[in-house]
């Protein structure tokens, strides 16, 4: 990881872009007022974005498992699911609450 001030990066942009893409280097561009930025390759950016999406997905799975463990689930017949196809989320919640005696 390299830290370079704004003036240096401006004067040597191609060199630092090549370091980022060819050598997998991360470059921090320091600027006044702590408004720093980071140069990283598109490949690295895509990898970080994917990891963030995966973390969000895993959090949802954990939340679902917790709800399952707490018994906060419902069972529906195929006909009921088909009838819910065009419902809003609020309507689905109301439908599920009407069936509260049938919580699994």
Protein backbone atom coordinates (compact mmCIF):
# COMPACT_ATOMS: atom_id res chain seq x y z
CA UNK A 1 0.00 0.00 0.00
CA UNK A 2 1.34 3.37 -1.01
CA UNK A 3 0.42 6.79 0.29
CA UNK A 4 1.03 9.62 -2.14
CA UNK A 5 0.08 13.27 -1.98
CA UNK A 6 -2.21 14.80 -4.56
CA UNK A 7 0.52 16.77 -6.37
CA UNK A 8 2.68 13.68 -6.83
CA UNK A 9 -0.17 11.56 -8.15
CA UNK A 10 -1.19 14.31 -10.55
CA UNK A 11 2.33 14.51 -11.94
CA UNK A 12 2.73 10.73 -12.21
CA UNK A 13 -0.79 9.46 -12.79
CA UNK A 14 0.10 6.85 -15.42
CA UNK A 15 2.89 5.41 -13.26
CA UNK A 16 0.58 4.99 -10.27
CA UNK A 17 -2.28 3.62 -12.39
CA UNK A 18 0.16 1.02 -13.74
CA UNK A 19 1.22 0.10 -10.19
CA UNK A 20 -2.42 -0.39 -9.26
CA UNK A 21 -3.32 -2.51 -12.28
CA UNK A 22 -0.05 -4.34 -12.95
CA UNK A 23 1.29 -4.84 -9.42
CA UNK A 24 -2.01 -5.02 -7.51
CA UNK A 25 -0.88 -2.04 -5.46
CA UNK A 26 -3.36 0.09 -3.52
CA UNK A 27 -2.61 3.80 -3.60
CA UNK A 28 -3.95 6.24 -1.03
CA UNK A 29 -4.02 9.79 -2.36
CA UNK A 30 -3.65 12.18 0.54
CA UNK A 31 -5.40 15.51 0.27
CA UNK A 32 -5.90 18.54 2.45
CA UNK A 33 -8.66 18.34 5.02
CA UNK A 34 -8.48 14.54 5.31
CA UNK A 35 -10.39 14.16 2.01
CA UNK A 36 -8.22 11.23 1.01
CA UNK A 37 -9.13 8.81 -1.78
CA UNK A 38 -7.98 5.31 -2.68
CA UNK A 39 -6.95 3.98 -6.08
CA UNK A 40 -7.48 0.29 -6.56
CA UNK A 41 -7.92 -1.92 -9.59
CA UNK A 42 -11.34 -2.70 -10.99
CA UNK A 43 -10.71 -6.35 -10.16
CA UNK A 44 -10.06 -5.48 -6.50
CA UNK A 45 -13.07 -3.16 -6.40
CA UNK A 46 -15.33 -5.89 -7.81
CA UNK A 47 -13.98 -8.34 -5.25
CA UNK A 48 -14.71 -5.93 -2.39
CA UNK A 49 -18.20 -5.18 -3.73
CA UNK A 50 -18.94 -8.90 -3.99
CA UNK A 51 -17.72 -9.46 -0.42
CA UNK A 52 -20.01 -6.67 0.81
CA UNK A 53 -23.00 -8.19 -1.03
CA UNK A 54 -22.17 -11.62 0.40
CA UNK A 55 -21.96 -10.18 3.93
CA UNK A 56 -25.40 -8.62 3.52
CA UNK A 57 -26.78 -11.90 2.21
CA UNK A 58 -25.26 -13.85 5.11
CA UNK A 59 -26.77 -11.39 7.60
CA UNK A 60 -30.20 -12.05 6.06
CA UNK A 61 -29.65 -15.79 6.37
CA UNK A 62 -28.63 -15.39 10.04
CA UNK A 63 -31.73 -13.29 10.70
CA UNK A 64 -33.91 -15.94 9.03
CA UNK A 65 -32.33 -18.70 11.10
CA UNK A 66 -32.96 -16.71 14.26
CA UNK A 67 -36.60 -16.21 13.31
CA UNK A 68 -36.91 -19.93 12.60
CA UNK A 69 -35.36 -20.79 15.98
CA UNK A 70 -37.82 -18.40 17.68
CA UNK A 71 -40.78 -20.00 15.92
CA UNK A 72 -41.56 -16.91 13.88
CA UNK A 73 -42.54 -18.81 10.77
CA UNK A 74 -45.76 -19.56 8.93
CA UNK A 75 -46.80 -22.36 6.63
CA UNK A 76 -49.00 -21.75 3.63
CA UNK A 77 -50.62 -24.00 1.09
CA UNK A 78 -49.73 -23.56 -2.56
CA UNK A 79 -53.14 -22.02 -3.16
CA UNK A 80 -52.55 -19.47 -0.40
CA UNK A 81 -49.14 -18.58 -1.82
CA UNK A 82 -50.64 -18.13 -5.27
CA UNK A 83 -53.34 -15.88 -3.82
CA UNK A 84 -50.61 -13.74 -2.24
CA UNK A 85 -48.78 -13.24 -5.54
CA UNK A 86 -50.02 -9.70 -6.15
CA UNK A 87 -50.18 -8.58 -2.51
CA UNK A 88 -48.08 -5.81 -1.07
CA UNK A 89 -45.81 -6.65 1.85
CA UNK A 90 -48.27 -5.00 4.23
CA UNK A 91 -51.12 -7.11 2.86
CA UNK A 92 -49.01 -10.25 3.25
CA UNK A 93 -48.31 -9.39 6.89
CA UNK A 94 -52.02 -8.81 7.52
CA UNK A 95 -52.84 -12.11 5.84
CA UNK A 96 -50.27 -13.91 7.99
CA UNK A 97 -51.56 -12.24 11.18
CA UNK A 98 -55.07 -13.46 10.39
CA UNK A 99 -53.62 -16.95 10.51
CA UNK A 100 -51.71 -16.35 13.76
CA UNK A 101 -53.20 -19.42 15.33
CA UNK A 102 -51.47 -21.46 12.65
CA UNK A 103 -47.90 -20.36 13.38
CA UNK A 104 -45.45 -23.23 13.00
